[in-house]
Amino acid sequence: GNLLIETEYEENDFLYDEIGSGLKINQLRNEKR
């Protein structure tokens, strides 16, 4: 029953921000705790 967050992206998506993803997930968890 734990609420978890996952992201996915297409292999050829060069605009996807992998580093920003982790930071944004942490921000989201803090803001929406």
PDB file of all heavy atoms in Angstrom:
ATOM      1  N   GLY A   1       0.789  -1.229   0.000  1.00  0.00           N
ATOM      2  CA  GLY A   1       0.000   0.000   0.000  1.00  0.00           C
ATOM      3  C   GLY A   1       0.818   1.273   0.000  1.00  0.00           C
ATOM      4  O   GLY A   1       0.277   2.355   0.228  1.00  0.00           O
ATOM      5  N   ASN A   2       2.112   1.163  -0.263  1.00  0.00           N
ATOM      6  CA  ASN A   2       2.969   2.348  -0.359  1.00  0.00           C
ATOM      7  C   ASN A   2       2.776   2.997  -1.722  1.00  0.00           C
ATOM      8  O   ASN A   2       2.736   2.305  -2.741  1.00  0.00           O
ATOM      9  CB  ASN A   2       4.438   1.969  -0.179  1.00  0.00           C
ATOM     10  CG  ASN A   2       4.696   1.337   1.165  1.00  0.00           C
ATOM     11  OD1 ASN A   2       4.358   1.890   2.198  1.00  0.00           O
ATOM     12  ND2 ASN A   2       5.267   0.145   1.153  1.00  0.00           N
ATOM     13  N   LEU A   3       2.671   4.305  -1.733  1.00  0.00           N
ATOM     14  CA  LEU A   3       2.526   5.037  -2.987  1.00  0.00           C
ATOM     15  C   LEU A   3       3.918   5.364  -3.523  1.00  0.00           C
ATOM     16  O   LEU A   3       4.698   6.048  -2.876  1.00  0.00           O
ATOM     17  CB  LEU A   3       1.726   6.322  -2.765  1.00  0.00           C
ATOM     18  CG  LEU A   3       1.390   7.131  -4.012  1.00  0.00           C
ATOM     19  CD1 LEU A   3       0.578   6.305  -5.011  1.00  0.00           C
ATOM     20  CD2 LEU A   3       0.624   8.389  -3.628  1.00  0.00           C
ATOM     21  N   LEU A   4       4.212   4.841  -4.700  1.00  0.00           N
ATOM     22  CA  LEU A   4       5.530   5.004  -5.307  1.00  0.00           C
ATOM     23  C   LEU A   4       5.415   5.762  -6.619  1.00  0.00           C
ATOM     24  O   LEU A   4       4.349   5.825  -7.227  1.00  0.00           O
ATOM     25  CB  LEU A   4       6.169   3.632  -5.532  1.00  0.00           C
ATOM     26  CG  LEU A   4       6.279   2.747  -4.279  1.00  0.00           C
ATOM     27  CD1 LEU A   4       6.778   1.359  -4.650  1.00  0.00           C
ATOM     28  CD2 LEU A   4       7.172   3.380  -3.243  1.00  0.00           C
ATOM     29  N   ILE A   5       6.544   6.318  -7.052  1.00  0.00           N
ATOM     30  CA  ILE A   5       6.592   7.087  -8.296  1.00  0.00           C
ATOM     31  C   ILE A   5       7.637   6.457  -9.209  1.00  0.00           C
ATOM     32  O   ILE A   5       8.747   6.162  -8.784  1.00  0.00           O
ATOM     33  CB  ILE A   5       6.964   8.560  -8.028  1.00  0.00           C
ATOM     34  CG1 ILE A   5       5.963   9.196  -7.067  1.00  0.00           C
ATOM     35  CG2 ILE A   5       7.039   9.337  -9.343  1.00  0.00           C
ATOM     36  CD1 ILE A   5       6.367  10.576  -6.592  1.00  0.00           C
ATOM     37  N   GLU A   6       7.262   6.288 -10.460  1.00  0.00           N
ATOM     38  CA  GLU A   6       8.172   5.723 -11.453  1.00  0.00           C
ATOM     39  C   GLU A   6       8.088   6.575 -12.713  1.00  0.00           C
ATOM     40  O   GLU A   6       7.038   7.147 -13.007  1.00  0.00           O
ATOM     41  CB  GLU A   6       7.710   4.289 -11.762  1.00  0.00           C
ATOM     42  CG  GLU A   6       8.488   3.566 -12.814  1.00  0.00           C
ATOM     43  CD  GLU A   6       7.935   2.157 -13.004  1.00  0.00           C
ATOM     44  OE1 GLU A   6       8.026   1.342 -12.078  1.00  0.00           O
ATOM     45  OE2 GLU A   6       7.405   1.893 -14.102  1.00  0.00           O
ATOM     46  N   THR A   7       9.201   6.660 -13.416  1.00  0.00           N
ATOM     47  CA  THR A   7       9.184   7.352 -14.706  1.00  0.00           C
ATOM     48  C   THR A   7       9.692   6.410 -15.779  1.00  0.00           C
ATOM     49  O   THR A   7      10.464   5.488 -15.505  1.00  0.00           O
ATOM     50  CB  THR A   7      10.047   8.633 -14.691  1.00  0.00           C
ATOM     51  OG1 THR A   7      11.400   8.287 -14.433  1.00  0.00           O
ATOM     52  CG2 THR A   7       9.552   9.618 -13.654  1.00  0.00           C
ATOM     53  N   GLU A   8       9.247   6.656 -16.985  1.00  0.00           N
ATOM     54  CA  GLU A   8       9.684   5.891 -18.151  1.00  0.00           C
ATOM     55  C   GLU A   8       9.908   6.888 -19.281  1.00  0.00           C
ATOM     56  O   GLU A   8       9.314   7.960 -19.294  1.00  0.00           O
ATOM     57  CB  GLU A   8       8.605   4.878 -18.570  1.00  0.00           C
ATOM     58  CG  GLU A   8       8.275   3.851 -17.518  1.00  0.00           C
ATOM     59  CD  GLU A   8       7.115   2.949 -17.927  1.00  0.00           C
ATOM     60  OE1 GLU A   8       6.481   3.181 -18.990  1.00  0.00           O
ATOM     61  OE2 GLU A   8       6.831   2.011 -17.173  1.00  0.00           O
ATOM     62  N   TYR A   9      10.756   6.495 -20.198  1.00  0.00           N
ATOM     63  CA  TYR A   9      10.955   7.341 -21.371  1.00  0.00           C
ATOM     64  C   TYR A   9      11.371   6.470 -22.543  1.00  0.00           C
ATOM     65  O   TYR A   9      11.909   5.379 -22.375  1.00  0.00           O
ATOM     66  CB  TYR A   9      11.986   8.444 -21.115  1.00  0.00           C
ATOM     67  CG  TYR A   9      13.367   7.960 -20.741  1.00  0.00           C
ATOM     68  CD1 TYR A   9      14.361   7.846 -21.708  1.00  0.00           C
ATOM     69  CD2 TYR A   9      13.679   7.612 -19.433  1.00  0.00           C
ATOM     70  CE1 TYR A   9      15.631   7.402 -21.374  1.00  0.00           C
ATOM     71  CE2 TYR A   9      14.934   7.175 -19.084  1.00  0.00           C
ATOM     72  CZ  TYR A   9      15.914   7.069 -20.057  1.00  0.00           C
ATOM     73  OH  TYR A   9      17.171   6.629 -19.729  1.00  0.00           O
ATOM     74  N   GLU A  10      11.097   6.979 -23.730  1.00  0.00           N
ATOM     75  CA  GLU A  10      11.449   6.257 -24.944  1.00  0.00           C
ATOM     76  C   GLU A  10      12.951   6.355 -25.179  1.00  0.00           C
ATOM     77  O   GLU A  10      13.575   7.372 -24.870  1.00  0.00           O
ATOM     78  CB  GLU A  10      10.664   6.817 -26.132  1.00  0.00           C
ATOM     79  CG  GLU A  10       9.178   6.567 -25.995  1.00  0.00           C
ATOM     80  CD  GLU A  10       8.361   7.168 -27.121  1.00  0.00           C
ATOM     81  OE1 GLU A  10       8.938   7.798 -28.046  1.00  0.00           O
ATOM     82  OE2 GLU A  10       7.136   7.009 -27.073  1.00  0.00           O
ATOM     83  N   GLU A  11      13.509   5.296 -25.728  1.00  0.00           N
ATOM     84  CA  GLU A  11      14.955   5.198 -25.925  1.00  0.00           C
ATOM     85  C   GLU A  11      15.517   6.363 -26.744  1.00  0.00           C
ATOM     86  O   GLU A  11      16.596   6.860 -26.472  1.00  0.00           O
ATOM     87  CB  GLU A  11      15.290   3.874 -26.614  1.00  0.00           C
ATOM     88  CG  GLU A  11      16.760   3.601 -26.705  1.00  0.00           C
ATOM     89  CD  GLU A  11      17.053   2.232 -27.300  1.00  0.00           C
ATOM     90  OE1 GLU A  11      16.245   1.319 -27.117  1.00  0.00           O
ATOM     91  OE2 GLU A  11      18.095   2.094 -27.946  1.00  0.00           O
ATOM     92  N   ASN A  12      14.766   6.807 -27.727  1.00  0.00           N
ATOM     93  CA  ASN A  12      15.260   7.872 -28.607  1.00  0.00           C
ATOM     94  C   ASN A  12      14.820   9.269 -28.154  1.00  0.00           C
ATOM     95  O   ASN A  12      14.926  10.224 -28.903  1.00  0.00           O
ATOM     96  CB  ASN A  12      14.799   7.627 -30.043  1.00  0.00           C
ATOM     97  CG  ASN A  12      13.293   7.616 -30.172  1.00  0.00           C
ATOM     98  OD1 ASN A  12      12.569   7.604 -29.185  1.00  0.00           O
ATOM     99  ND2 ASN A  12      12.808   7.597 -31.396  1.00  0.00           N
ATOM    100  N   ASP A  13      14.352   9.391 -26.916  1.00  0.00           N
ATOM    101  CA  ASP A  13      13.916  10.680 -26.386  1.00  0.00           C
ATOM    102  C   ASP A  13      15.108  11.400 -25.775  1.00  0.00           C
ATOM    103  O   ASP A  13      15.399  11.271 -24.598  1.00  0.00           O
ATOM    104  CB  ASP A  13      12.810  10.484 -25.344  1.00  0.00           C
ATOM    105  CG  ASP A  13      12.253  11.804 -24.845  1.00  0.00           C
ATOM    106  OD1 ASP A  13      12.784  12.864 -25.223  1.00  0.00           O
ATOM    107  OD2 ASP A  13      11.284  11.767 -24.066  1.00  0.00           O
ATOM    108  N   PHE A  14      15.781  12.200 -26.585  1.00  0.00           N
ATOM    109  CA  PHE A  14      16.980  12.899 -26.134  1.00  0.00           C
ATOM    110  C   PHE A  14      16.656  14.149 -25.324  1.00  0.00           C
ATOM    111  O   PHE A  14      17.536  14.752 -24.720  1.00  0.00           O
ATOM    112  CB  PHE A  14      17.868  13.245 -27.330  1.00  0.00           C
ATOM    113  CG  PHE A  14      18.304  12.028 -28.089  1.00  0.00           C
ATOM    114  CD1 PHE A  14      17.802  11.761 -29.355  1.00  0.00           C
ATOM    115  CD2 PHE A  14      19.183  11.109 -27.522  1.00  0.00           C
ATOM    116  CE1 PHE A  14      18.191  10.627 -30.046  1.00  0.00           C
ATOM    117  CE2 PHE A  14      19.583   9.975 -28.200  1.00  0.00           C
ATOM    118  CZ  PHE A  14      19.080   9.732 -29.466  1.00  0.00           C
ATOM    119  N   LEU A  15      15.388  14.526 -25.286  1.00  0.00           N
ATOM    120  CA  LEU A  15      14.971  15.686 -24.504  1.00  0.00           C
ATOM    121  C   LEU A  15      14.592  15.314 -23.068  1.00  0.00           C
ATOM    122  O   LEU A  15      14.435  16.190 -22.222  1.00  0.00           O
ATOM    123  CB  LEU A  15      13.799  16.393 -25.180  1.00  0.00           C
ATOM    124  CG  LEU A  15      14.092  16.959 -26.570  1.00  0.00           C
ATOM    125  CD1 LEU A  15      12.833  17.578 -27.172  1.00  0.00           C
ATOM    126  CD2 LEU A  15      15.208  17.988 -26.498  1.00  0.00           C
ATOM    127  N   TYR A  16      14.430  14.012 -22.795  1.00  0.00           N
ATOM    128  CA  TYR A  16      14.087  13.568 -21.441  1.00  0.00           C
ATOM    129  C   TYR A  16      15.230  13.910 -20.489  1.00  0.00           C
ATOM    130  O   TYR A  16      16.391  13.637 -20.763  1.00  0.00           O
ATOM    131  CB  TYR A  16      13.831  12.053 -21.415  1.00  0.00           C
ATOM    132  CG  TYR A  16      13.535  11.514 -20.034  1.00  0.00           C
ATOM    133  CD1 TYR A  16      12.274  11.660 -19.475  1.00  0.00           C
ATOM    134  CD2 TYR A  16      14.511  10.871 -19.292  1.00  0.00           C
ATOM    135  CE1 TYR A  16      11.999  11.176 -18.205  1.00  0.00           C
ATOM    136  CE2 TYR A  16      14.244  10.373 -18.022  1.00  0.00           C
ATOM    137  CZ  TYR A  16      12.982  10.529 -17.484  1.00  0.00           C
ATOM    138  OH  TYR A  16      12.715  10.039 -16.236  1.00  0.00           O
ATOM    139  N   ASP A  17      14.902  14.516 -19.362  1.00  0.00           N
ATOM    140  CA  ASP A  17      15.895  14.967 -18.389  1.00  0.00           C
ATOM    141  C   ASP A  17      16.007  13.933 -17.264  1.00  0.00           C
ATOM    142  O   ASP A  17      15.293  13.999 -16.268  1.00  0.00           O
ATOM    143  CB  ASP A  17      15.484  16.328 -17.840  1.00  0.00           C
ATOM    144  CG  ASP A  17      16.502  16.928 -16.883  1.00  0.00           C
ATOM    145  OD1 ASP A  17      17.510  16.253 -16.578  1.00  0.00           O
ATOM    146  OD2 ASP A  17      16.281  18.068 -16.447  1.00  0.00           O
ATOM    147  N   GLU A  18      16.919  12.982 -17.431  1.00  0.00           N
ATOM    148  CA  GLU A  18      17.047  11.887 -16.468  1.00  0.00           C
ATOM    149  C   GLU A  18      17.507  12.389 -15.095  1.00  0.00           C
ATOM    150  O   GLU A  18      16.995  11.959 -14.069  1.00  0.00           O
ATOM    151  CB  GLU A  18      18.024  10.831 -16.999  1.00  0.00           C
ATOM    152  CG  GLU A  18      17.944   9.539 -16.247  1.00  0.00           C
ATOM    153  CD  GLU A  18      18.649   8.398 -16.958  1.00  0.00           C
ATOM    154  OE1 GLU A  18      19.111   8.572 -18.094  1.00  0.00           O
ATOM    155  OE2 GLU A  18      18.718   7.328 -16.356  1.00  0.00           O
ATOM    156  N   ILE A  19      18.447  13.301 -15.057  1.00  0.00           N
ATOM    157  CA  ILE A  19      18.921  13.849 -13.783  1.00  0.00           C
ATOM    158  C   ILE A  19      17.816  14.691 -13.144  1.00  0.00           C
ATOM    159  O   ILE A  19      17.514  14.556 -11.956  1.00  0.00           O
ATOM    160  CB  ILE A  19      20.207  14.672 -13.977  1.00  0.00           C
ATOM    161  CG1 ILE A  19      21.340  13.755 -14.423  1.00  0.00           C
ATOM    162  CG2 ILE A  19      20.559  15.424 -12.705  1.00  0.00           C
ATOM    163  CD1 ILE A  19      22.585  14.468 -14.873  1.00  0.00           C
ATOM    164  N   GLY A  20      17.192  15.532 -13.938  1.00  0.00           N
ATOM    165  CA  GLY A  20      16.096  16.358 -13.444  1.00  0.00           C
ATOM    166  C   GLY A  20      14.926  15.530 -12.945  1.00  0.00           C
ATOM    167  O   GLY A  20      14.206  15.927 -12.031  1.00  0.00           O
ATOM    168  N   SER A  21      14.749  14.350 -13.526  1.00  0.00           N
ATOM    169  CA  SER A  21      13.669  13.461 -13.116  1.00  0.00           C
ATOM    170  C   SER A  21      13.784  13.086 -11.645  1.00  0.00           C
ATOM    171  O   SER A  21      12.813  13.187 -10.888  1.00  0.00           O
ATOM    172  CB  SER A  21      13.681  12.198 -13.982  1.00  0.00           C
ATOM    173  OG  SER A  21      12.772  11.246 -13.492  1.00  0.00           O
ATOM    174  N   GLY A  22      14.958  12.659 -11.224  1.00  0.00           N
ATOM    175  CA  GLY A  22      15.174  12.294  -9.827  1.00  0.00           C
ATOM    176  C   GLY A  22      14.971  13.468  -8.894  1.00  0.00           C
ATOM    177  O   GLY A  22      14.346  13.336  -7.831  1.00  0.00           O
ATOM    178  N   LEU A  23      15.470  14.630  -9.301  1.00  0.00           N
ATOM    179  CA  LEU A  23      15.307  15.832  -8.478  1.00  0.00           C
ATOM    180  C   LEU A  23      13.835  16.238  -8.383  1.00  0.00           C
ATOM    181  O   LEU A  23      13.347  16.600  -7.306  1.00  0.00           O
ATOM    182  CB  LEU A  23      16.122  16.987  -9.062  1.00  0.00           C
ATOM    183  CG  LEU A  23      17.643  16.793  -9.072  1.00  0.00           C
ATOM    184  CD1 LEU A  23      18.313  17.913  -9.849  1.00  0.00           C
ATOM    185  CD2 LEU A  23      18.184  16.717  -7.650  1.00  0.00           C
ATOM    186  N   LYS A  24      13.134  16.155  -9.499  1.00  0.00           N
ATOM    187  CA  LYS A  24      11.718  16.544  -9.524  1.00  0.00           C
ATOM    188  C   LYS A  24      10.862  15.559  -8.726  1.00  0.00           C
ATOM    189  O   LYS A  24       9.905  15.971  -8.062  1.00  0.00           O
ATOM    190  CB  LYS A  24      11.233  16.636 -10.979  1.00  0.00           C
ATOM    191  CG  LYS A  24       9.874  17.248 -11.128  1.00  0.00           C
ATOM    192  CD  LYS A  24       9.895  18.726 -10.854  1.00  0.00           C
ATOM    193  CE  LYS A  24       8.534  19.331 -11.154  1.00  0.00           C
ATOM    194  NZ  LYS A  24       8.454  20.716 -10.759  1.00  0.00           N
ATOM    195  N   ILE A  25      11.203  14.280  -8.765  1.00  0.00           N
ATOM    196  CA  ILE A  25      10.472  13.291  -7.964  1.00  0.00           C
ATOM    197  C   ILE A  25      10.647  13.601  -6.485  1.00  0.00           C
ATOM    198  O   ILE A  25       9.677  13.576  -5.715  1.00  0.00           O
ATOM    199  CB  ILE A  25      10.918  11.854  -8.298  1.00  0.00           C
ATOM    200  CG1 ILE A  25      10.373  11.439  -9.666  1.00  0.00           C
ATOM    201  CG2 ILE A  25      10.454  10.872  -7.216  1.00  0.00           C
ATOM    202  CD1 ILE A  25      10.891  10.115 -10.168  1.00  0.00           C
ATOM    203  N   ASN A  26      11.868  13.908  -6.063  1.00  0.00           N
ATOM    204  CA  ASN A  26      12.105  14.262  -4.657  1.00  0.00           C
ATOM    205  C   ASN A  26      11.325  15.518  -4.274  1.00  0.00           C
ATOM    206  O   ASN A  26      10.746  15.585  -3.189  1.00  0.00           O
ATOM    207  CB  ASN A  26      13.590  14.450  -4.386  1.00  0.00           C
ATOM    208  CG  ASN A  26      14.343  13.144  -4.392  1.00  0.00           C
ATOM    209  OD1 ASN A  26      13.770  12.088  -4.141  1.00  0.00           O
ATOM    210  ND2 ASN A  26      15.626  13.204  -4.676  1.00  0.00           N
ATOM    211  N   GLN A  27      11.309  16.499  -5.154  1.00  0.00           N
ATOM    212  CA  GLN A  27      10.554  17.728  -4.905  1.00  0.00           C
ATOM    213  C   GLN A  27       9.063  17.407  -4.781  1.00  0.00           C
ATOM    214  O   GLN A  27       8.380  17.903  -3.874  1.00  0.00           O
ATOM    215  CB  GLN A  27      10.791  18.725  -6.033  1.00  0.00           C
ATOM    216  CG  GLN A  27      10.003  20.007  -5.878  1.00  0.00           C
ATOM    217  CD  GLN A  27      10.144  20.930  -7.091  1.00  0.00           C
ATOM    218  OE1 GLN A  27      10.828  20.634  -8.057  1.00  0.00           O
ATOM    219  NE2 GLN A  27       9.461  22.054  -7.039  1.00  0.00           N
ATOM    220  N   LEU A  28       8.563  16.576  -5.683  1.00  0.00           N
ATOM    221  CA  LEU A  28       7.158  16.194  -5.670  1.00  0.00           C
ATOM    222  C   LEU A  28       6.806  15.463  -4.369  1.00  0.00           C
ATOM    223  O   LEU A  28       5.788  15.756  -3.738  1.00  0.00           O
ATOM    224  CB  LEU A  28       6.864  15.307  -6.886  1.00  0.00           C
ATOM    225  CG  LEU A  28       5.427  14.968  -7.204  1.00  0.00           C
ATOM    226  CD1 LEU A  28       4.612  16.229  -7.453  1.00  0.00           C
ATOM    227  CD2 LEU A  28       5.379  14.059  -8.428  1.00  0.00           C
ATOM    228  N   ARG A  29       7.661  14.544  -3.959  1.00  0.00           N
ATOM    229  CA  ARG A  29       7.423  13.814  -2.701  1.00  0.00           C
ATOM    230  C   ARG A  29       7.386  14.765  -1.511  1.00  0.00           C
ATOM    231  O   ARG A  29       6.574  14.598  -0.606  1.00  0.00           O
ATOM    232  CB  ARG A  29       8.516  12.767  -2.479  1.00  0.00           C
ATOM    233  CG  ARG A  29       8.343  11.528  -3.308  1.00  0.00           C
ATOM    234  CD  ARG A  29       9.358  10.473  -2.904  1.00  0.00           C
ATOM    235  NE  ARG A  29       9.222   9.295  -3.726  1.00  0.00           N
ATOM    236  CZ  ARG A  29      10.201   8.718  -4.385  1.00  0.00           C
ATOM    237  NH1 ARG A  29      11.433   9.198  -4.319  1.00  0.00           N
ATOM    238  NH2 ARG A  29       9.986   7.635  -5.110  1.00  0.00           N
ATOM    239  N   ASN A  30       8.280  15.748  -1.484  1.00  0.00           N
ATOM    240  CA  ASN A  30       8.314  16.708  -0.380  1.00  0.00           C
ATOM    241  C   ASN A  30       7.095  17.629  -0.393  1.00  0.00           C
ATOM    242  O   ASN A  30       6.469  17.849   0.641  1.00  0.00           O
ATOM    243  CB  ASN A  30       9.597  17.532  -0.411  1.00  0.00           C
ATOM    244  CG  ASN A  30      10.806  16.728   0.000  1.00  0.00           C
ATOM    245  OD1 ASN A  30      10.707  15.797   0.790  1.00  0.00           O
ATOM    246  ND2 ASN A  30      11.957  17.075  -0.541  1.00  0.00           N
ATOM    247  N   GLU A  31       6.772  18.167  -1.552  1.00  0.00           N
ATOM    248  CA  GLU A  31       5.661  19.103  -1.657  1.00  0.00           C
ATOM    249  C   GLU A  31       4.308  18.442  -1.438  1.00  0.00           C
ATOM    250  O   GLU A  31       3.379  19.064  -0.932  1.00  0.00           O
ATOM    251  CB  GLU A  31       5.668  19.796  -3.022  1.00  0.00           C
ATOM    252  CG  GLU A  31       6.810  20.770  -3.193  1.00  0.00           C
ATOM    253  CD  GLU A  31       6.848  21.397  -4.574  1.00  0.00           C
ATOM    254  OE1 GLU A  31       6.005  21.065  -5.439  1.00  0.00           O
ATOM    255  OE2 GLU A  31       7.744  22.230  -4.804  1.00  0.00           O
ATOM    256  N   LYS A  32       4.187  17.197  -1.826  1.00  0.00           N
ATOM    257  CA  LYS A  32       2.904  16.478  -1.747  1.00  0.00           C
ATOM    258  C   LYS A  32       2.915  15.413  -0.648  1.00  0.00           C
ATOM    259  O   LYS A  32       2.079  14.512  -0.651  1.00  0.00           O
ATOM    260  CB  LYS A  32       2.585  15.817  -3.095  1.00  0.00           C
ATOM    261  CG  LYS A  32       2.561  16.765  -4.270  1.00  0.00           C
ATOM    262  CD  LYS A  32       1.417  17.718  -4.192  1.00  0.00           C
ATOM    263  CE  LYS A  32       1.379  18.622  -5.420  1.00  0.00           C
ATOM    264  NZ  LYS A  32       0.403  19.682  -5.273  1.00  0.00           N
ATOM    265  N   ARG A  33       3.826  15.534   0.302  1.00  0.00           N
ATOM    266  CA  ARG A  33       3.974  14.517   1.358  1.00  0.00           C
ATOM    267  C   ARG A  33       2.642  14.237   2.057  1.00  0.00           C
ATOM    268  O   ARG A  33       2.235  13.086   2.193  1.00  0.00           O
ATOM    269  CB  ARG A  33       5.016  14.948   2.372  1.00  0.00           C
ATOM    270  CG  ARG A  33       5.233  13.937   3.495  1.00  0.00           C
ATOM    271  CD  ARG A  33       6.285  14.386   4.507  1.00  0.00           C
ATOM    272  NE  ARG A  33       7.506  14.892   3.907  1.00  0.00           N
ATOM    273  CZ  ARG A  33       8.529  14.136   3.498  1.00  0.00           C
ATOM    274  NH1 ARG A  33       8.465  12.841   3.623  1.00  0.00           N
ATOM    275  NH2 ARG A  33       9.603  14.693   2.981  1.00  0.00           N
TER     276      ARG A  33
END
